[in-house]
Amino acid sequence: MEYVAQQICSNTTTLPKNIYVYIHEMERENVRKLAPTVLIDWTMMPDRTEPVKKVIMKALHDKLAELEPELQDEIVIIFNDIPLSCAMLGGETRSENPDK
């Protein structure tokens, strides 16, 4: 979890206090695909570009491949880009105060 947060902090201006990492493990009978899957929901801040996402995805893929080498070709990493107007922090939308 710290590795994920570290990669985001290292590649964006995101403050560590604004990164939340959750692990949700599913029971085998409830999953069609058993390979590691990472889903990152984040707001569309200006520095969260396609090249930045690619660097983060590569780092996460490589770390997961170390843990699950037999599944490295099956690892899935997905970014959900949330418009700034659709996220709120401290009572203000991110579009109202993106520097918060």
Protein backbone atom coordinates (compact mmCIF):
# COMPACT_ATOMS: atom_id res chain seq x y z
CA MET A 1 0.00 0.00 0.00
CA GLU A 2 2.83 2.38 0.80
CA TYR A 3 4.44 1.53 -2.53
CA VAL A 4 1.31 2.65 -4.39
CA ALA A 5 1.17 5.92 -2.46
CA GLN A 6 4.90 6.46 -2.99
CA GLN A 7 4.56 6.04 -6.76
CA ILE A 8 1.74 8.58 -6.91
CA CYS A 9 3.64 11.09 -4.75
CA SER A 10 6.85 10.60 -6.72
CA ASN A 11 5.20 11.25 -10.06
CA THR A 12 2.62 13.94 -9.23
CA THR A 13 2.25 16.89 -6.86
CA THR A 14 -0.28 14.95 -4.81
CA LEU A 15 0.24 15.36 -1.08
CA PRO A 16 0.68 12.11 0.85
CA LYS A 17 -2.21 13.06 3.17
CA ASN A 18 -4.54 13.04 0.14
CA ILE A 19 -3.78 9.48 -0.95
CA TYR A 20 -6.04 6.74 0.32
CA VAL A 21 -5.18 3.12 -0.46
CA TYR A 22 -7.69 0.33 0.10
CA ILE A 23 -7.34 -3.37 -0.53
CA HIS A 24 -10.45 -5.29 -1.38
CA GLU A 25 -9.93 -9.02 -1.65
CA MET A 26 -12.58 -11.12 -3.30
CA GLU A 27 -13.36 -14.75 -2.59
CA ARG A 28 -12.13 -17.06 -5.36
CA GLU A 29 -15.63 -18.21 -6.22
CA ASN A 30 -16.64 -14.58 -6.85
CA VAL A 31 -13.88 -13.79 -9.32
CA ARG A 32 -13.52 -14.93 -12.92
CA LYS A 33 -9.92 -13.76 -13.25
CA LEU A 34 -7.46 -14.41 -10.43
CA ALA A 35 -4.64 -12.14 -11.57
CA PRO A 36 -3.87 -9.01 -9.53
CA THR A 37 -6.04 -6.05 -10.47
CA VAL A 38 -5.36 -2.48 -9.39
CA LEU A 39 -8.06 0.16 -9.72
CA ILE A 40 -7.01 3.76 -9.15
CA ASP A 41 -9.72 6.40 -8.79
CA TRP A 42 -8.35 9.91 -8.88
CA THR A 43 -9.36 13.38 -9.91
CA MET A 44 -8.17 14.80 -13.21
CA MET A 45 -5.54 17.19 -11.81
CA PRO A 46 -3.37 18.91 -14.47
CA ASP A 47 -0.23 16.92 -13.62
CA ARG A 48 -1.97 13.55 -13.90
CA THR A 49 -1.18 13.10 -17.57
CA GLU A 50 -1.06 10.01 -19.77
CA PRO A 51 2.76 9.79 -19.52
CA VAL A 52 2.58 10.05 -15.72
CA LYS A 53 -0.07 7.34 -15.57
CA LYS A 54 2.09 5.12 -17.76
CA VAL A 55 5.07 5.49 -15.39
CA ILE A 56 2.89 4.65 -12.38
CA MET A 57 1.26 1.69 -14.14
CA LYS A 58 4.66 0.29 -15.14
CA ALA A 59 6.00 0.60 -11.59
CA LEU A 60 2.92 -1.09 -10.11
CA HIS A 61 2.97 -3.81 -12.74
CA ASP A 62 6.62 -4.57 -12.09
CA LYS A 63 6.10 -4.70 -8.31
CA LEU A 64 3.11 -7.03 -8.66
CA ALA A 65 5.03 -9.19 -11.15
CA GLU A 66 7.71 -9.70 -8.48
CA LEU A 67 5.02 -11.02 -6.14
CA GLU A 68 3.12 -13.06 -8.74
CA PRO A 69 5.62 -13.87 -11.53
CA GLU A 70 3.44 -16.59 -13.04
CA LEU A 71 0.62 -14.08 -13.53
CA GLN A 72 2.65 -11.12 -14.81
CA ASP A 73 1.02 -11.23 -18.25
CA GLU A 74 -2.42 -11.10 -16.64
CA ILE A 75 -1.93 -8.12 -14.28
CA VAL A 76 -4.54 -5.40 -14.83
CA ILE A 77 -4.11 -1.75 -13.83
CA ILE A 78 -6.97 0.69 -14.44
CA PHE A 79 -7.19 4.43 -13.85
CA ASN A 80 -10.59 6.07 -13.39
CA ASP A 81 -10.21 9.78 -14.10
CA ILE A 82 -12.82 11.70 -12.13
CA PRO A 83 -13.68 15.24 -13.29
CA LEU A 84 -12.66 17.88 -10.73
CA SER A 85 -16.26 18.99 -10.34
CA CYS A 86 -17.24 15.46 -9.28
CA ALA A 87 -14.93 15.21 -6.25
CA MET A 88 -14.98 17.13 -3.00
CA LEU A 89 -12.31 17.60 -0.35
CA GLY A 90 -12.95 19.58 2.81
CA GLY A 91 -16.30 20.94 1.65
CA GLU A 92 -15.09 22.30 -1.70
CA THR A 93 -15.06 20.60 -5.05
CA ARG A 94 -11.62 20.00 -6.51
CA SER A 95 -12.49 22.43 -9.33
CA GLU A 96 -13.21 25.15 -6.73
CA ASN A 97 -9.93 24.56 -4.91
CA PRO A 98 -7.53 22.26 -6.80
CA ASP A 99 -4.57 23.25 -4.57
CA LYS A 100 -6.10 21.87 -1.39
